[in-house]
Amino acid sequence: MFTPLSIPSVILVRPRRFGDDRGWFMETWSRSVYAGGGIEADFVQDNQSFSAQVGTVRGLHFQTPPTPQAKLVRVVRGAIFDVAVDLRRSSPTYGHWCAATLTAGGGEQLFVPRGFAHGFCTIEPDTEVAYKVDGPYDPACDRGLAWDDPTLAIAWPVSAGAAVLSAKDKAQPAFEGFESPFA
């Protein structure tokens, strides 16, 4: 149910689904169950995005202290390639990334802790992503990195020329020269 990825604090969650001839039921968050799986976050806000086109990239985003955010990400329609980049200076995996494919059909979730940049690429049209965060949005602490930074070398499922990006994500700075605020 709870599987650490190659960066162990990033956790892939596969909630159990209970199905019958009507469909299925799934518990998407339970503080005690998730704490037992290593996810001890006090979520304060839910967000949802819709992306019409395959190849839409959102990220790499993070919030700096004093209002960093952990995220619990899931797909409610469609599918994404979901990425976390370790920005914790003292971590042996600093500057490394890990990823998982999340689908509405599979119900997978990805826990991205504080101190990580997060981004995703849609791999199906009309994809909706819902995620919980453990801190409120703070525009003064909102930051990002270039999604296609060659130093990070993320194996995105879309080429730079085919990616659908916001103006904000097109202008994010490179990882090289980045001074992480995360200890």
Protein backbone atom coordinates (compact mmCIF):
# COMPACT_ATOMS: atom_id res chain seq x y z
CA MET A 1 0.00 0.00 0.00
CA PHE A 2 2.87 2.46 0.86
CA THR A 3 5.98 2.16 -1.33
CA PRO A 4 8.98 4.49 -0.93
CA LEU A 5 10.47 5.47 -4.30
CA SER A 6 14.19 5.80 -5.09
CA ILE A 7 14.18 8.86 -2.82
CA PRO A 8 12.68 7.13 0.25
CA SER A 9 10.75 10.10 1.67
CA VAL A 10 8.70 10.26 -1.57
CA ILE A 11 6.01 7.62 -1.15
CA LEU A 12 3.77 5.97 -3.73
CA VAL A 13 0.41 5.07 -2.18
CA ARG A 14 -1.94 2.47 -3.61
CA PRO A 15 -5.20 2.74 -1.65
CA ARG A 16 -7.38 -0.35 -1.54
CA ARG A 17 -10.48 -0.29 -3.68
CA PHE A 18 -13.58 -2.19 -2.71
CA GLY A 19 -15.63 -3.05 -5.77
CA ASP A 20 -18.96 -4.61 -6.60
CA ASP A 21 -21.42 -4.53 -9.49
CA ARG A 22 -22.05 -0.79 -8.84
CA GLY A 23 -18.38 0.24 -9.17
CA TRP A 24 -15.90 0.79 -6.34
CA PHE A 25 -15.18 2.69 -3.12
CA MET A 26 -11.76 3.95 -2.02
CA GLU A 27 -10.56 5.83 1.07
CA THR A 28 -8.27 8.57 -0.25
CA TRP A 29 -7.06 9.95 3.10
CA SER A 30 -7.08 8.74 6.69
CA ARG A 31 -4.71 10.44 9.12
CA SER A 32 -4.08 7.28 11.18
CA VAL A 33 -3.70 4.90 8.23
CA TYR A 34 -1.37 7.22 6.32
CA ALA A 35 0.68 7.99 9.46
CA GLY A 36 1.24 4.25 9.76
CA GLY A 37 2.59 4.37 6.19
CA GLY A 38 5.04 7.17 7.00
CA ILE A 39 2.91 10.15 5.92
CA GLU A 40 2.38 12.46 8.87
CA ALA A 41 1.07 15.67 7.36
CA ASP A 42 -1.64 17.97 8.58
CA PHE A 43 -3.31 18.87 5.31
CA VAL A 44 -5.00 22.29 5.28
CA GLN A 45 -6.01 22.85 1.65
CA ASP A 46 -7.20 20.86 -1.37
CA ASN A 47 -6.37 21.95 -4.93
CA GLN A 48 -7.48 20.65 -8.32
CA SER A 49 -6.25 21.32 -11.85
CA PHE A 50 -7.59 20.45 -15.29
CA SER A 51 -5.36 20.08 -18.35
CA ALA A 52 -7.03 19.57 -21.71
CA GLN A 53 -3.99 18.56 -23.77
CA VAL A 54 -1.60 15.64 -23.54
CA GLY A 55 1.90 16.97 -22.84
CA THR A 56 0.79 19.73 -20.48
CA VAL A 57 3.58 20.30 -17.96
CA ARG A 58 2.93 21.98 -14.62
CA GLY A 59 6.04 22.58 -12.54
CA LEU A 60 8.57 22.31 -11.15
CA HIS A 61 6.99 24.19 -8.23
CA PHE A 62 7.70 24.53 -4.51
CA GLN A 63 7.23 26.95 -1.64
CA THR A 64 10.17 28.15 0.43
CA PRO A 65 10.26 28.52 4.21
CA PRO A 66 8.58 29.83 6.24
CA THR A 67 5.62 28.28 4.38
CA PRO A 68 6.86 25.14 2.60
CA GLN A 69 4.29 22.59 1.46
CA ALA A 70 4.07 18.81 1.37
CA LYS A 71 1.63 17.41 -1.19
CA LEU A 72 -0.47 14.29 -1.61
CA VAL A 73 -1.25 14.07 -5.34
CA ARG A 74 -3.82 11.91 -7.14
CA VAL A 75 -5.51 11.84 -10.52
CA VAL A 76 -9.30 11.93 -10.68
CA ARG A 77 -9.48 11.72 -14.49
CA GLY A 78 -6.75 10.80 -16.97
CA ALA A 79 -3.10 10.11 -16.14
CA ILE A 80 0.15 11.93 -15.34
CA PHE A 81 3.87 11.38 -15.09
CA ASP A 82 4.48 12.86 -11.61
CA VAL A 83 7.94 14.09 -10.55
CA ALA A 84 9.59 15.08 -7.25
CA VAL A 85 13.05 16.72 -7.10
CA ASP A 86 14.97 16.71 -3.82
CA LEU A 87 15.97 20.26 -2.83
CA ARG A 88 17.21 19.44 0.69
CA ARG A 89 20.88 20.55 0.81
CA SER A 90 21.93 17.95 3.40
CA SER A 91 20.24 15.07 1.62
CA PRO A 92 22.33 12.40 -0.15
CA THR A 93 19.78 12.65 -2.98
CA TYR A 94 19.98 16.46 -3.32
CA GLY A 95 19.28 17.40 -6.94
CA HIS A 96 17.99 13.92 -7.78
CA TRP A 97 14.50 13.21 -9.02
CA CYS A 98 12.07 10.33 -8.87
CA ALA A 99 8.76 9.82 -10.62
CA ALA A 100 5.66 7.68 -10.79
CA THR A 101 2.77 7.35 -13.18
CA LEU A 102 -0.54 8.18 -11.52
CA THR A 103 -3.82 7.22 -13.15
CA ALA A 104 -7.48 7.71 -12.35
CA GLY A 105 -8.06 4.05 -13.17
CA GLY A 106 -5.41 2.83 -10.73
CA GLY A 107 -6.07 5.35 -7.97
CA GLU A 108 -2.37 5.77 -7.10
CA GLN A 109 -1.22 8.74 -5.02
CA LEU A 110 2.19 10.33 -4.60
CA PHE A 111 3.32 11.94 -1.36
CA VAL A 112 5.83 14.73 -2.01
CA PRO A 113 7.37 16.00 1.26
CA ARG A 114 8.45 19.53 2.11
CA GLY A 115 11.80 20.40 0.58
CA PHE A 116 10.96 19.02 -2.86
CA ALA A 117 10.04 20.62 -6.17
CA HIS A 118 7.02 19.00 -7.77
CA GLY A 119 5.78 18.83 -11.34
CA PHE A 120 3.80 16.65 -13.66
CA CYS A 121 3.11 16.01 -17.33
CA THR A 122 -0.27 14.86 -18.58
CA ILE A 123 -0.17 11.64 -20.58
CA GLU A 124 -3.90 11.51 -21.35
CA PRO A 125 -6.21 14.27 -22.59
CA ASP A 126 -8.63 16.01 -20.23
CA THR A 127 -6.68 15.12 -17.11
CA GLU A 128 -7.75 16.34 -13.68
CA VAL A 129 -5.32 16.28 -10.77
CA ALA A 130 -6.34 16.76 -7.13
CA TYR A 131 -3.86 17.31 -4.35
CA LYS A 132 -3.78 18.10 -0.68
CA VAL A 133 -1.18 20.48 0.78
CA ASP A 134 -0.09 20.89 4.39
CA GLY A 135 0.43 24.65 4.16
CA PRO A 136 -1.56 27.49 2.63
CA TYR A 137 -0.54 29.04 -0.66
CA ASP A 138 1.89 31.91 -0.03
CA PRO A 139 2.71 33.96 -3.13
CA ALA A 140 5.76 35.47 -1.38
CA CYS A 141 7.26 31.95 -1.05
CA ASP A 142 6.14 30.56 -4.41
CA ARG A 143 9.15 29.41 -6.46
CA GLY A 144 10.03 27.10 -9.30
CA LEU A 145 12.75 25.59 -11.43
CA ALA A 146 12.95 24.94 -15.15
CA TRP A 147 11.08 21.72 -15.89
CA ASP A 148 13.52 20.75 -18.66
CA ASP A 149 16.73 21.71 -16.87
CA PRO A 150 19.61 19.65 -18.33
CA THR A 151 21.34 19.35 -14.94
CA LEU A 152 18.29 17.58 -13.51
CA ALA A 153 17.86 15.51 -16.71
CA ILE A 154 14.29 14.44 -15.94
CA ALA A 155 13.06 11.81 -18.42
CA TRP A 156 9.80 13.58 -19.25
CA PRO A 157 7.39 11.80 -21.62
CA VAL A 158 7.19 14.93 -23.82
CA SER A 159 9.77 16.85 -25.83
CA ALA A 160 10.52 20.50 -25.10
CA GLY A 161 8.96 21.48 -28.40
CA ALA A 162 5.72 19.61 -27.76
CA ALA A 163 5.22 20.58 -24.10
CA VAL A 164 2.27 22.81 -23.25
CA LEU A 165 3.49 25.33 -20.66
CA SER A 166 2.28 28.43 -18.85
CA ALA A 167 4.23 31.66 -19.27
CA LYS A 168 5.35 31.26 -15.64
CA ASP A 169 6.75 27.76 -16.26
CA LYS A 170 8.52 28.85 -19.44
CA ALA A 171 10.46 31.44 -17.42
CA GLN A 172 11.54 29.36 -14.39
CA PRO A 173 15.27 29.52 -13.53
CA ALA A 174 17.81 26.75 -14.01
CA PHE A 175 18.88 24.40 -11.23
CA GLU A 176 22.54 25.35 -11.74
CA GLY A 177 23.22 28.26 -9.42
CA PHE A 178 20.10 27.54 -7.35
CA GLU A 179 20.67 28.16 -3.64
CA SER A 180 18.29 25.90 -1.79
CA PRO A 181 16.54 27.31 1.28
CA PHE A 182 15.94 23.76 2.56
CA ALA A 183 18.46 22.45 5.11
